[in-house]
Amino acid sequence: MATTKQKTAARRNIKRARTVQSRRASGATIRRRTSGLSTRQQNRLPAEKFAFTKKRKEPITDARHVRNAIARFDQVEGVTEAERDTAWKRIRAAARKFGIEIHARGWRSLMKGGKTGARRRRARG
């Protein structure tokens, strides 16, 4: 259930998006707010540039993406433990490459929160 505040924010965001889209369609050059990868850029990346190669989830192309992949590791759904092991190795290698220090002992220590962690706890209990 969305709260009134969330609904108001969603309406405001949709209104802004429509305005920008309309202005771009009429030829205006409007900078994008995000410095992340566009969908087109992400689709063109080779599978090796993702932590989860088969699912093409969590790009690890630069330091910012590696930090994000670590932070969101517990939110990835629909992958096996073997795929998580492989993805964690890929993330650790990318972290070393970009000079990022990882404080977690392993990916299992990241699974305490998030959807996947809750689902795993319910399955055992």
N, C-alpha and C. Protein backbone atom coordinates (compact mmCIF):
# COMPACT_ATOMS: atom_id res chain seq x y z
N MET A 1 0.83 -1.18 0.00
CA MET A 1 0.00 0.00 0.00
C MET A 1 0.88 1.25 0.00
N ALA A 2 0.56 2.14 -0.86
CA ALA A 2 1.30 3.40 -0.92
C ALA A 2 0.63 4.43 -0.02
N THR A 3 1.46 5.23 0.61
CA THR A 3 0.93 6.29 1.47
C THR A 3 0.55 7.49 0.60
N THR A 4 -0.13 8.43 1.21
CA THR A 4 -0.52 9.64 0.49
C THR A 4 0.71 10.41 0.03
N LYS A 5 1.73 10.44 0.89
CA LYS A 5 2.97 11.14 0.55
C LYS A 5 3.64 10.48 -0.66
N GLN A 6 3.65 9.14 -0.70
CA GLN A 6 4.25 8.42 -1.83
C GLN A 6 3.47 8.67 -3.11
N LYS A 7 2.14 8.67 -3.01
CA LYS A 7 1.31 8.92 -4.19
C LYS A 7 1.53 10.32 -4.74
N THR A 8 1.64 11.29 -3.84
CA THR A 8 1.88 12.67 -4.27
C THR A 8 3.23 12.77 -4.97
N ALA A 9 4.25 12.15 -4.40
CA ALA A 9 5.59 12.17 -5.01
C ALA A 9 5.57 11.49 -6.37
N ALA A 10 4.86 10.38 -6.49
CA ALA A 10 4.77 9.67 -7.77
C ALA A 10 4.10 10.53 -8.83
N ARG A 11 3.01 11.20 -8.45
CA ARG A 11 2.32 12.08 -9.41
C ARG A 11 3.23 13.22 -9.87
N ARG A 12 3.97 13.79 -8.92
CA ARG A 12 4.90 14.88 -9.24
C ARG A 12 5.99 14.38 -10.19
N ASN A 13 6.53 13.19 -9.92
CA ASN A 13 7.58 12.63 -10.78
C ASN A 13 7.07 12.34 -12.18
N ILE A 14 5.86 11.82 -12.28
CA ILE A 14 5.27 11.54 -13.59
C ILE A 14 5.07 12.84 -14.36
N LYS A 15 4.60 13.87 -13.68
CA LYS A 15 4.38 15.16 -14.33
C LYS A 15 5.69 15.73 -14.86
N ARG A 16 6.76 15.65 -14.04
CA ARG A 16 8.07 16.12 -14.48
C ARG A 16 8.58 15.33 -15.67
N ALA A 17 8.43 14.02 -15.61
CA ALA A 17 8.91 13.16 -16.69
C ALA A 17 8.19 13.46 -18.00
N ARG A 18 6.88 13.67 -17.92
CA ARG A 18 6.12 14.00 -19.14
C ARG A 18 6.55 15.34 -19.70
N THR A 19 6.81 16.32 -18.84
CA THR A 19 7.25 17.63 -19.30
C THR A 19 8.59 17.54 -20.00
N VAL A 20 9.52 16.84 -19.39
CA VAL A 20 10.86 16.69 -19.98
C VAL A 20 10.77 15.91 -21.29
N GLN A 21 9.98 14.84 -21.30
CA GLN A 21 9.84 14.03 -22.51
C GLN A 21 9.26 14.87 -23.65
N SER A 22 8.28 15.69 -23.34
CA SER A 22 7.66 16.55 -24.34
C SER A 22 8.66 17.57 -24.88
N ARG A 23 9.43 18.16 -23.98
CA ARG A 23 10.42 19.14 -24.40
C ARG A 23 11.51 18.50 -25.25
N ARG A 24 11.94 17.28 -24.88
CA ARG A 24 12.95 16.58 -25.69
C ARG A 24 12.39 16.25 -27.07
N ALA A 25 11.13 15.85 -27.12
CA ALA A 25 10.50 15.50 -28.40
C ALA A 25 10.41 16.70 -29.32
N SER A 26 10.30 17.88 -28.74
CA SER A 26 10.20 19.08 -29.57
C SER A 26 11.58 19.67 -29.88
N GLY A 27 12.64 18.95 -29.52
CA GLY A 27 13.98 19.35 -29.93
C GLY A 27 14.84 19.99 -28.87
N ALA A 28 14.34 20.16 -27.68
CA ALA A 28 15.14 20.77 -26.61
C ALA A 28 16.20 19.80 -26.13
N THR A 29 17.36 20.34 -25.80
CA THR A 29 18.43 19.52 -25.26
C THR A 29 18.41 19.67 -23.75
N ILE A 30 18.05 18.60 -23.07
CA ILE A 30 17.94 18.61 -21.61
C ILE A 30 18.88 17.55 -21.07
N ARG A 31 19.78 17.98 -20.18
CA ARG A 31 20.72 17.03 -19.59
C ARG A 31 20.01 16.05 -18.69
N ARG A 32 20.49 14.84 -18.68
CA ARG A 32 19.94 13.84 -17.79
C ARG A 32 20.52 14.06 -16.40
N ARG A 33 19.73 13.78 -15.38
CA ARG A 33 20.16 14.02 -14.01
C ARG A 33 21.11 12.94 -13.51
N THR A 34 20.95 11.73 -14.03
CA THR A 34 21.76 10.63 -13.55
C THR A 34 23.05 10.52 -14.35
N SER A 35 24.09 10.10 -13.68
CA SER A 35 25.35 9.86 -14.37
C SER A 35 25.56 8.36 -14.55
N GLY A 36 24.53 7.57 -14.24
CA GLY A 36 24.61 6.12 -14.36
C GLY A 36 24.48 5.67 -15.80
N LEU A 37 24.45 4.37 -15.97
CA LEU A 37 24.32 3.80 -17.31
C LEU A 37 22.88 3.91 -17.79
N SER A 38 22.71 4.27 -19.05
CA SER A 38 21.38 4.26 -19.63
C SER A 38 21.02 2.80 -19.95
N THR A 39 19.76 2.56 -20.24
CA THR A 39 19.33 1.21 -20.60
C THR A 39 20.08 0.73 -21.84
N ARG A 40 20.26 1.62 -22.79
CA ARG A 40 20.95 1.27 -24.02
C ARG A 40 22.41 0.87 -23.73
N GLN A 41 23.07 1.67 -22.87
CA GLN A 41 24.45 1.35 -22.51
C GLN A 41 24.52 0.01 -21.77
N GLN A 42 23.57 -0.21 -20.88
CA GLN A 42 23.56 -1.45 -20.11
C GLN A 42 23.33 -2.65 -21.01
N ASN A 43 22.43 -2.51 -22.00
CA ASN A 43 22.16 -3.61 -22.92
C ASN A 43 23.35 -3.93 -23.80
N ARG A 44 24.20 -2.95 -24.05
CA ARG A 44 25.36 -3.16 -24.91
C ARG A 44 26.57 -3.73 -24.16
N LEU A 45 26.51 -3.72 -22.83
CA LEU A 45 27.63 -4.26 -22.06
C LEU A 45 27.73 -5.77 -22.23
N PRO A 46 28.94 -6.29 -22.30
CA PRO A 46 29.08 -7.75 -22.32
C PRO A 46 28.70 -8.33 -20.96
N ALA A 47 28.30 -9.58 -20.94
CA ALA A 47 27.86 -10.23 -19.71
C ALA A 47 28.94 -10.22 -18.64
N GLU A 48 30.21 -10.21 -19.05
CA GLU A 48 31.31 -10.24 -18.09
C GLU A 48 31.39 -8.97 -17.24
N LYS A 49 30.70 -7.93 -17.64
CA LYS A 49 30.72 -6.66 -16.90
C LYS A 49 29.64 -6.62 -15.81
N PHE A 50 28.97 -7.74 -15.58
CA PHE A 50 27.95 -7.83 -14.55
C PHE A 50 28.40 -8.82 -13.48
N ALA A 51 27.98 -8.59 -12.24
CA ALA A 51 28.30 -9.53 -11.17
C ALA A 51 27.58 -10.86 -11.41
N PHE A 52 26.30 -10.78 -11.72
CA PHE A 52 25.50 -11.97 -12.04
C PHE A 52 25.39 -12.03 -13.56
N THR A 53 26.28 -12.81 -14.18
CA THR A 53 26.41 -12.78 -15.63
C THR A 53 25.19 -13.33 -16.36
N LYS A 54 24.62 -14.43 -15.86
CA LYS A 54 23.47 -15.04 -16.55
C LYS A 54 22.24 -14.16 -16.50
N LYS A 55 22.01 -13.52 -15.37
CA LYS A 55 20.84 -12.66 -15.19
C LYS A 55 21.11 -11.22 -15.63
N ARG A 56 22.40 -10.89 -15.90
CA ARG A 56 22.82 -9.53 -16.26
C ARG A 56 22.37 -8.53 -15.20
N LYS A 57 22.64 -8.87 -13.94
CA LYS A 57 22.29 -8.00 -12.82
C LYS A 57 23.56 -7.46 -12.18
N GLU A 58 23.47 -6.26 -11.64
CA GLU A 58 24.55 -5.59 -10.91
C GLU A 58 25.79 -5.35 -11.78
N PRO A 59 25.75 -4.30 -12.61
CA PRO A 59 26.95 -3.97 -13.40
C PRO A 59 28.10 -3.59 -12.48
N ILE A 60 29.30 -3.96 -12.87
CA ILE A 60 30.50 -3.64 -12.08
C ILE A 60 31.53 -2.99 -12.99
N THR A 61 31.14 -1.92 -13.64
CA THR A 61 31.99 -1.24 -14.62
C THR A 61 32.88 -0.17 -14.02
N ASP A 62 32.53 0.35 -12.85
CA ASP A 62 33.35 1.38 -12.21
C ASP A 62 33.17 1.29 -10.70
N ALA A 63 33.88 2.13 -9.97
CA ALA A 63 33.86 2.06 -8.51
C ALA A 63 32.46 2.29 -7.94
N ARG A 64 31.74 3.24 -8.51
CA ARG A 64 30.39 3.54 -8.02
C ARG A 64 29.47 2.34 -8.17
N HIS A 65 29.55 1.66 -9.32
CA HIS A 65 28.72 0.49 -9.54
C HIS A 65 29.11 -0.67 -8.63
N VAL A 66 30.40 -0.80 -8.36
CA VAL A 66 30.86 -1.88 -7.47
C VAL A 66 30.31 -1.65 -6.06
N ARG A 67 30.40 -0.40 -5.57
CA ARG A 67 29.84 -0.09 -4.25
C ARG A 67 28.35 -0.39 -4.21
N ASN A 68 27.65 -0.03 -5.28
CA ASN A 68 26.21 -0.28 -5.36
C ASN A 68 25.92 -1.78 -5.39
N ALA A 69 26.73 -2.55 -6.11
CA ALA A 69 26.53 -4.00 -6.17
C ALA A 69 26.70 -4.64 -4.80
N ILE A 70 27.65 -4.14 -4.01
CA ILE A 70 27.86 -4.65 -2.66
C ILE A 70 26.65 -4.30 -1.78
N ALA A 71 26.22 -3.06 -1.88
CA ALA A 71 25.10 -2.60 -1.05
C ALA A 71 23.80 -3.33 -1.36
N ARG A 72 23.61 -3.70 -2.61
CA ARG A 72 22.35 -4.32 -3.02
C ARG A 72 22.43 -5.83 -3.20
N PHE A 73 23.53 -6.42 -2.79
CA PHE A 73 23.75 -7.85 -3.01
C PHE A 73 22.63 -8.70 -2.43
N ASP A 74 22.12 -8.32 -1.27
CA ASP A 74 21.07 -9.12 -0.62
C ASP A 74 19.71 -8.92 -1.28
N GLN A 75 19.57 -7.97 -2.19
CA GLN A 75 18.29 -7.71 -2.81
C GLN A 75 18.09 -8.48 -4.12
N VAL A 76 19.14 -9.10 -4.62
CA VAL A 76 19.04 -9.85 -5.88
C VAL A 76 18.26 -11.13 -5.64
N GLU A 77 17.23 -11.33 -6.42
CA GLU A 77 16.37 -12.51 -6.26
C GLU A 77 16.51 -13.41 -7.47
N GLY A 78 16.17 -14.67 -7.29
CA GLY A 78 16.13 -15.62 -8.39
C GLY A 78 17.49 -16.15 -8.80
N VAL A 79 18.45 -16.19 -7.87
CA VAL A 79 19.76 -16.74 -8.18
C VAL A 79 20.11 -17.80 -7.14
N THR A 80 20.93 -18.75 -7.55
CA THR A 80 21.33 -19.84 -6.66
C THR A 80 22.52 -19.40 -5.80
N GLU A 81 22.84 -20.22 -4.81
CA GLU A 81 24.00 -19.92 -3.96
C GLU A 81 25.29 -20.00 -4.76
N ALA A 82 25.35 -20.92 -5.73
CA ALA A 82 26.55 -21.02 -6.58
C ALA A 82 26.73 -19.74 -7.40
N GLU A 83 25.63 -19.20 -7.91
CA GLU A 83 25.70 -17.95 -8.66
C GLU A 83 26.12 -16.80 -7.75
N ARG A 84 25.66 -16.82 -6.50
CA ARG A 84 26.06 -15.79 -5.53
C ARG A 84 27.56 -15.89 -5.24
N ASP A 85 28.07 -17.13 -5.10
CA ASP A 85 29.51 -17.31 -4.88
C ASP A 85 30.31 -16.71 -6.03
N THR A 86 29.91 -17.03 -7.24
CA THR A 86 30.60 -16.52 -8.42
C THR A 86 30.51 -15.00 -8.49
N ALA A 87 29.32 -14.47 -8.25
CA ALA A 87 29.12 -13.02 -8.30
C ALA A 87 29.97 -12.32 -7.23
N TRP A 88 30.04 -12.91 -6.04
CA TRP A 88 30.84 -12.30 -4.97
C TRP A 88 32.31 -12.25 -5.36
N LYS A 89 32.81 -13.32 -6.01
CA LYS A 89 34.20 -13.33 -6.46
C LYS A 89 34.43 -12.23 -7.50
N ARG A 90 33.46 -12.05 -8.39
CA ARG A 90 33.56 -11.02 -9.42
C ARG A 90 33.55 -9.62 -8.78
N ILE A 91 32.70 -9.43 -7.80
CA ILE A 91 32.61 -8.14 -7.12
C ILE A 91 33.91 -7.85 -6.36
N ARG A 92 34.45 -8.86 -5.67
CA ARG A 92 35.70 -8.66 -4.94
C ARG A 92 36.85 -8.31 -5.88
N ALA A 93 36.90 -8.98 -7.04
CA ALA A 93 37.95 -8.68 -8.01
C ALA A 93 37.80 -7.25 -8.54
N ALA A 94 36.57 -6.84 -8.83
CA ALA A 94 36.33 -5.48 -9.31
C ALA A 94 36.66 -4.46 -8.22
N ALA A 95 36.37 -4.80 -6.97
CA ALA A 95 36.69 -3.89 -5.86
C ALA A 95 38.20 -3.69 -5.74
N ARG A 96 38.95 -4.78 -5.88
CA ARG A 96 40.41 -4.65 -5.85
C ARG A 96 40.89 -3.78 -7.01
N LYS A 97 40.30 -3.98 -8.18
CA LYS A 97 40.69 -3.22 -9.37
C LYS A 97 40.46 -1.72 -9.17
N PHE A 98 39.35 -1.35 -8.52
CA PHE A 98 39.01 0.07 -8.35
C PHE A 98 39.43 0.61 -6.98
N GLY A 99 40.14 -0.18 -6.19
CA GLY A 99 40.65 0.28 -4.91
C GLY A 99 39.59 0.45 -3.83
N ILE A 100 38.58 -0.40 -3.83
CA ILE A 100 37.51 -0.34 -2.85
C ILE A 100 37.76 -1.38 -1.78
N GLU A 101 37.67 -0.96 -0.53
CA GLU A 101 37.88 -1.86 0.59
C GLU A 101 36.53 -2.47 1.00
N ILE A 102 36.47 -3.80 1.07
CA ILE A 102 35.25 -4.49 1.48
C ILE A 102 35.44 -4.99 2.91
N HIS A 103 34.53 -4.59 3.78
CA HIS A 103 34.63 -4.98 5.19
C HIS A 103 33.89 -6.28 5.50
N ALA A 104 32.98 -6.69 4.64
CA ALA A 104 32.22 -7.93 4.87
C ALA A 104 33.14 -9.13 4.70
N ARG A 105 32.98 -10.11 5.57
CA ARG A 105 33.81 -11.31 5.50
C ARG A 105 33.43 -12.19 4.31
N GLY A 106 32.20 -12.15 3.92
CA GLY A 106 31.72 -12.94 2.79
C GLY A 106 30.31 -12.49 2.44
N TRP A 107 29.77 -13.02 1.37
CA TRP A 107 28.45 -12.55 0.94
C TRP A 107 27.35 -12.98 1.90
N ARG A 108 27.56 -14.06 2.62
CA ARG A 108 26.53 -14.50 3.57
C ARG A 108 26.31 -13.50 4.70
N SER A 109 27.35 -12.75 5.05
CA SER A 109 27.20 -11.74 6.10
C SER A 109 26.37 -10.55 5.62
N LEU A 110 26.23 -10.41 4.31
CA LEU A 110 25.41 -9.33 3.75
C LEU A 110 23.93 -9.70 3.71
N MET A 111 23.61 -10.97 3.93
CA MET A 111 22.25 -11.47 3.74
C MET A 111 21.36 -11.30 4.97
N LYS A 112 21.77 -10.51 5.93
CA LYS A 112 21.00 -10.35 7.15
C LYS A 112 19.73 -9.54 6.94
N GLY A 113 19.74 -8.61 6.02
CA GLY A 113 18.57 -7.77 5.75
C GLY A 113 18.04 -8.05 4.36
N GLY A 114 17.15 -7.22 3.89
CA GLY A 114 16.64 -7.33 2.53
C GLY A 114 15.64 -8.45 2.36
N LYS A 115 15.07 -8.51 1.19
CA LYS A 115 14.03 -9.49 0.88
C LYS A 115 14.54 -10.92 0.93
N THR A 116 15.69 -11.14 0.32
CA THR A 116 16.21 -12.50 0.23
C THR A 116 16.55 -13.05 1.60
N GLY A 117 17.13 -12.24 2.47
CA GLY A 117 17.48 -12.68 3.80
C GLY A 117 16.24 -13.06 4.60
N ALA A 118 15.19 -12.27 4.48
CA ALA A 118 13.94 -12.57 5.20
C ALA A 118 13.33 -13.87 4.67
N ARG A 119 13.39 -14.05 3.38
CA ARG A 119 12.82 -15.26 2.77
C ARG A 119 13.60 -16.49 3.22
N ARG A 120 14.92 -16.36 3.32
CA ARG A 120 15.75 -17.50 3.75
C ARG A 120 15.46 -17.85 5.21
N ARG A 121 15.27 -16.84 6.06
CA ARG A 121 14.98 -17.09 7.47
C ARG A 121 13.64 -17.79 7.63
N ARG A 122 12.63 -17.38 6.85
CA ARG A 122 11.30 -18.01 6.93
C ARG A 122 11.36 -19.45 6.47
N ALA A 123 12.14 -19.72 5.44
CA ALA A 123 12.23 -21.08 4.91
C ALA A 123 12.83 -22.03 5.93
N ARG A 124 13.78 -21.57 6.71
CA ARG A 124 14.41 -22.43 7.71
C ARG A 124 13.55 -22.62 8.94
N GLY A 125 12.84 -21.54 9.33
CA GLY A 125 12.09 -21.55 10.58
C GLY A 125 10.84 -22.28 10.49
